[in-house]
Amino acid sequence: MNALASTKLTATDSAILRHIARYRLTVREVVARLPEFCRGTTAEIDVRLQRLEKSGFIATTWLYAERKCFILTPKGAIRVRGSVTDRCAQAPFSEATKIRRFAALTFCCSTSTRRQRLTAAELAEQVTGVNGSDADTPYYISLDEAPTRVGFLRVDLGGHGRWDRILAKCQQDVRDHANDPNWSPWIVSNRFEVTLVTALPQKAERLQRELSQQEHPPPIPVRITAIPELLYLIAPPPA
């Protein structure tokens, strides 16, 4: 019997499992940024992840060629949530799902601004009247702003695709939230934003320029940001 299977998980072990449960996948570089590892070495992090994997709480899968990520196993999901009914630990998942999850992980956890993806239950608690039943809610909360700001994350899955289509989807996101009375208190108090994530910096610049040139500015702030690593998932190089 291995070490973790026969003993209780440490606080750090549990923090890693909760982190993976929130984002559905993670990578070592993000684990290293967790508060529990602020002074840990790369070797210590690797040992910790290897022990969790050997004990059956997490597993590795391919993020893209030559880069792996960590996901919860059903055993890990039961340890964190008490069940696997939300499918969070089931794999494989679709490429589109993988892209959206990695985009949310990177946007929330790999920049100088601290953000956190909202779980379905947390979304329902934050915004009265909003149904938080989706296991992959596209909402996040900023941890460095006062008052608290909530955002909706739209991920561009098109790579080199037409910029106007993803902009139209983002504009529809703005309209949908602006027309939903449940979001009115957040919008009126300037505590809600829409973020569009795309892989190419050039595309992000084009989208931002097009948005700024519109005759009527959107009623909700729109942030456009590029995550270049997404390109390896959206348009992997030929073998």
Protein backbone atom coordinates (compact mmCIF):
# COMPACT_ATOMS: atom_id res chain seq x y z
CA MET A 1 0.00 0.00 0.00
CA ASN A 2 1.45 3.39 -0.96
CA ALA A 3 2.06 6.27 1.42
CA LEU A 4 -0.89 8.50 0.58
CA ALA A 5 -3.35 5.66 0.34
CA SER A 6 -2.58 4.61 3.93
CA THR A 7 -2.32 8.09 5.53
CA LYS A 8 -4.32 11.27 5.59
CA LEU A 9 -3.70 13.87 2.93
CA THR A 10 -1.75 16.91 4.06
CA ALA A 11 -3.19 20.41 3.82
CA THR A 12 -1.03 20.99 0.72
CA ASP A 13 -2.26 17.78 -0.90
CA SER A 14 -5.87 18.82 -0.30
CA ALA A 15 -5.21 22.31 -1.68
CA ILE A 16 -3.88 20.81 -4.92
CA LEU A 17 -6.93 18.57 -5.28
CA ARG A 18 -9.32 21.48 -4.65
CA HIS A 19 -7.42 23.57 -7.20
CA ILE A 20 -7.73 20.86 -9.87
CA ALA A 21 -11.42 20.39 -9.02
CA ARG A 22 -12.00 24.10 -9.60
CA TYR A 23 -10.23 24.35 -12.96
CA ARG A 24 -10.73 20.72 -14.10
CA LEU A 25 -7.09 20.54 -15.15
CA THR A 26 -3.80 22.14 -14.21
CA VAL A 27 -0.10 22.21 -15.08
CA ARG A 28 2.94 22.12 -12.83
CA GLU A 29 3.77 25.80 -13.39
CA VAL A 30 0.39 26.81 -12.01
CA VAL A 31 0.64 24.42 -9.06
CA ALA A 32 3.94 26.13 -8.23
CA ARG A 33 2.07 29.45 -7.89
CA LEU A 34 -0.34 28.15 -5.25
CA PRO A 35 0.17 29.85 -1.86
CA GLU A 36 1.04 26.47 -0.35
CA PHE A 37 4.06 26.28 -2.67
CA CYS A 38 5.28 29.87 -2.51
CA ARG A 39 8.60 28.70 -1.09
CA GLY A 40 8.72 25.21 -2.55
CA THR A 41 11.31 23.97 -5.01
CA THR A 42 10.59 22.37 -8.37
CA ALA A 43 11.75 19.02 -7.02
CA GLU A 44 9.38 19.26 -4.05
CA ILE A 45 6.46 20.05 -6.33
CA ASP A 46 7.27 17.14 -8.63
CA VAL A 47 7.52 14.74 -5.69
CA ARG A 48 4.17 15.93 -4.35
CA LEU A 49 2.43 15.51 -7.71
CA GLN A 50 4.01 12.10 -8.28
CA ARG A 51 2.81 10.89 -4.88
CA LEU A 52 -0.73 12.10 -5.57
CA GLU A 53 -0.68 10.35 -8.93
CA LYS A 54 0.71 7.08 -7.54
CA SER A 55 -1.94 7.13 -4.84
CA GLY A 56 -4.66 7.39 -7.48
CA PHE A 57 -6.00 10.88 -6.69
CA ILE A 58 -4.81 12.54 -9.91
CA ALA A 59 -3.76 11.41 -13.37
CA THR A 60 -1.80 12.91 -16.25
CA THR A 61 -3.11 13.40 -19.76
CA TRP A 62 -1.87 15.22 -22.84
CA LEU A 63 -2.57 18.93 -23.00
CA TYR A 64 -0.91 19.01 -26.40
CA ALA A 65 2.12 17.33 -27.97
CA GLU A 66 5.01 17.12 -25.49
CA ARG A 67 3.04 18.89 -22.71
CA LYS A 68 0.97 17.11 -20.12
CA CYS A 69 -1.56 18.32 -17.59
CA PHE A 70 -3.04 16.92 -14.39
CA ILE A 71 -6.68 16.00 -13.85
CA LEU A 72 -8.62 14.48 -10.97
CA THR A 73 -9.40 10.79 -11.02
CA PRO A 74 -12.80 9.61 -9.78
CA LYS A 75 -11.06 8.79 -6.49
CA GLY A 76 -9.75 12.34 -6.30
CA ALA A 77 -13.15 13.80 -7.11
CA ILE A 78 -14.77 11.73 -4.38
CA ARG A 79 -12.13 12.94 -1.94
CA VAL A 80 -12.82 16.59 -2.80
CA ARG A 81 -16.56 16.58 -3.53
CA GLY A 82 -17.90 13.32 -2.13
CA SER A 83 -19.04 12.18 -5.59
CA VAL A 84 -18.24 12.32 -9.31
CA THR A 85 -21.75 13.19 -10.43
CA ASP A 86 -20.63 16.47 -12.06
CA ARG A 87 -18.35 14.53 -14.46
CA CYS A 88 -15.38 16.68 -13.45
CA ALA A 89 -13.08 13.68 -13.22
CA GLN A 90 -14.19 11.89 -16.35
CA ALA A 91 -11.81 11.82 -19.31
CA PRO A 92 -11.20 12.13 -22.12
CA PHE A 93 -12.93 15.45 -22.68
CA SER A 94 -13.42 17.22 -25.98
CA GLU A 95 -10.75 19.44 -27.51
CA ALA A 96 -13.03 22.47 -27.18
CA THR A 97 -13.53 21.72 -23.48
CA LYS A 98 -9.79 21.33 -23.00
CA ILE A 99 -9.13 24.70 -24.67
CA ARG A 100 -11.73 26.49 -22.56
CA ARG A 101 -10.45 24.94 -19.34
CA PHE A 102 -6.82 25.72 -20.07
CA ALA A 103 -7.74 29.28 -21.06
CA ALA A 104 -9.59 29.77 -17.77
CA LEU A 105 -6.68 28.27 -15.81
CA THR A 106 -4.12 30.50 -17.53
CA PHE A 107 -6.19 33.68 -17.38
CA CYS A 108 -6.99 33.25 -13.69
CA CYS A 109 -3.77 31.75 -12.35
CA SER A 110 -0.82 32.73 -14.57
CA THR A 111 -0.86 36.53 -14.56
CA SER A 112 0.04 39.21 -12.05
CA THR A 113 -3.68 39.82 -11.36
CA ARG A 114 -5.20 37.21 -9.09
CA ARG A 115 -8.51 35.80 -10.28
CA GLN A 116 -10.48 32.69 -9.46
CA ARG A 117 -12.89 30.68 -11.54
CA LEU A 118 -16.30 30.55 -9.89
CA THR A 119 -17.85 27.17 -9.29
CA ALA A 120 -21.53 26.71 -10.04
CA ALA A 121 -22.43 27.01 -6.36
CA GLU A 122 -20.28 30.12 -5.88
CA LEU A 123 -21.86 31.81 -8.90
CA ALA A 124 -25.34 31.18 -7.54
CA GLU A 125 -24.26 32.66 -4.19
CA GLN A 126 -22.71 35.76 -5.78
CA VAL A 127 -25.50 36.64 -8.21
CA THR A 128 -29.07 36.29 -7.06
CA GLY A 129 -31.28 34.55 -9.60
CA VAL A 130 -28.48 33.16 -11.77
CA ASN A 131 -28.60 29.41 -12.23
CA GLY A 132 -25.24 27.92 -11.40
CA SER A 133 -25.90 24.38 -12.60
CA ASP A 134 -23.21 24.17 -15.29
CA ALA A 135 -20.08 22.35 -14.11
CA ASP A 136 -17.93 24.54 -16.39
CA THR A 137 -19.35 27.95 -15.57
CA PRO A 138 -17.52 30.60 -17.66
CA TYR A 139 -17.39 33.11 -14.81
CA TYR A 140 -14.52 34.33 -12.67
CA ILE A 141 -14.00 36.72 -9.79
CA SER A 142 -11.15 39.16 -9.29
CA LEU A 143 -9.32 38.76 -5.99
CA ASP A 144 -7.32 42.00 -6.16
CA GLU A 145 -10.12 44.54 -6.61
CA ALA A 146 -12.42 46.24 -4.15
CA PRO A 147 -15.31 46.10 -4.56
CA THR A 148 -15.37 42.62 -6.00
CA ARG A 149 -15.60 42.34 -9.80
CA VAL A 150 -17.11 39.35 -11.60
CA GLY A 151 -16.39 38.54 -15.24
CA PHE A 152 -17.64 36.33 -18.05
CA LEU A 153 -14.95 34.51 -20.03
CA ARG A 154 -15.43 33.99 -23.77
CA VAL A 155 -12.73 31.84 -25.40
CA ASP A 156 -11.95 32.09 -29.11
CA LEU A 157 -11.63 28.54 -30.48
CA GLY A 158 -10.89 29.63 -34.02
CA GLY A 159 -7.13 30.20 -34.14
CA HIS A 160 -6.61 32.01 -37.44
CA GLY A 161 -10.39 32.11 -38.04
CA ARG A 162 -12.49 35.16 -38.85
CA TRP A 163 -12.18 37.86 -36.22
CA ASP A 164 -15.67 39.23 -36.88
CA ARG A 165 -17.39 36.03 -35.79
CA ILE A 166 -15.80 35.88 -32.37
CA LEU A 167 -16.39 39.61 -31.89
CA ALA A 168 -20.07 39.09 -32.70
CA LYS A 169 -20.25 36.35 -30.05
CA CYS A 170 -18.60 38.64 -27.52
CA GLN A 171 -21.07 41.42 -28.34
CA GLN A 172 -23.91 38.95 -27.85
CA ASP A 173 -22.47 38.05 -24.44
CA VAL A 174 -22.62 41.75 -23.55
CA ARG A 175 -26.24 42.05 -24.70
CA ASP A 176 -27.31 38.89 -22.90
CA HIS A 177 -25.95 40.10 -19.58
CA ALA A 178 -27.11 43.70 -20.08
CA ASN A 179 -30.65 42.44 -20.70
CA ASP A 180 -30.66 40.11 -17.70
CA PRO A 181 -32.08 41.91 -14.63
CA ASN A 182 -30.15 39.57 -12.34
CA TRP A 183 -26.94 41.25 -13.48
CA SER A 184 -28.21 44.83 -13.27
CA PRO A 185 -26.83 45.59 -9.78
CA TRP A 186 -23.39 44.41 -10.87
CA ILE A 187 -23.43 46.33 -14.16
CA VAL A 188 -24.74 49.57 -12.64
CA SER A 189 -22.03 49.49 -9.98
CA ASN A 190 -19.35 48.72 -12.61
CA ARG A 191 -18.54 45.37 -11.04
CA PHE A 192 -19.04 43.17 -14.10
CA GLU A 193 -16.95 42.72 -17.24
CA VAL A 194 -16.70 40.46 -20.28
CA THR A 195 -13.31 39.06 -21.25
CA LEU A 196 -12.48 37.66 -24.66
CA VAL A 197 -9.44 35.37 -24.80
CA THR A 198 -7.77 34.59 -28.12
CA ALA A 199 -4.51 32.88 -29.02
CA LEU A 200 -2.91 35.39 -31.37
CA PRO A 201 -1.75 38.82 -30.09
CA GLN A 202 -2.34 40.26 -33.58
CA LYS A 203 -5.93 39.06 -33.49
CA ALA A 204 -6.42 40.51 -30.01
CA GLU A 205 -5.14 43.88 -31.26
CA ARG A 206 -7.48 43.77 -34.26
CA LEU A 207 -10.45 42.92 -32.05
CA GLN A 208 -9.60 45.67 -29.57
CA ARG A 209 -9.20 48.22 -32.35
CA GLU A 210 -12.50 47.23 -33.93
CA LEU A 211 -14.26 47.41 -30.58
CA SER A 212 -12.86 50.86 -29.79
CA GLN A 213 -14.02 52.23 -33.15
CA GLN A 214 -17.67 51.36 -32.65
CA GLU A 215 -20.07 54.28 -32.66
CA HIS A 216 -21.74 53.20 -29.43
CA PRO A 217 -19.50 51.79 -26.69
CA PRO A 218 -20.74 48.58 -25.05
CA PRO A 219 -22.68 49.02 -21.78
CA ILE A 220 -20.30 46.55 -20.09
CA PRO A 221 -16.47 46.80 -20.08
CA VAL A 222 -14.88 44.33 -22.51
CA ARG A 223 -11.35 43.07 -21.94
CA ILE A 224 -9.49 41.37 -24.80
CA THR A 225 -6.38 39.38 -24.00
CA ALA A 226 -4.10 36.96 -25.83
CA ILE A 227 -2.83 33.62 -24.52
CA PRO A 228 -0.37 32.50 -27.22
CA GLU A 229 0.02 28.99 -25.78
CA LEU A 230 -3.59 28.28 -26.78
CA LEU A 231 -2.39 28.08 -30.37
CA TYR A 232 -0.76 24.72 -29.62
CA LEU A 233 -4.19 23.36 -28.68
CA ILE A 234 -6.20 25.11 -31.39
CA ALA A 235 -3.85 24.63 -34.33
CA PRO A 236 -1.16 22.09 -33.42
CA PRO A 237 1.82 21.89 -35.79
CA PRO A 238 1.76 19.06 -38.35
CA ALA A 239 3.39 15.83 -37.25
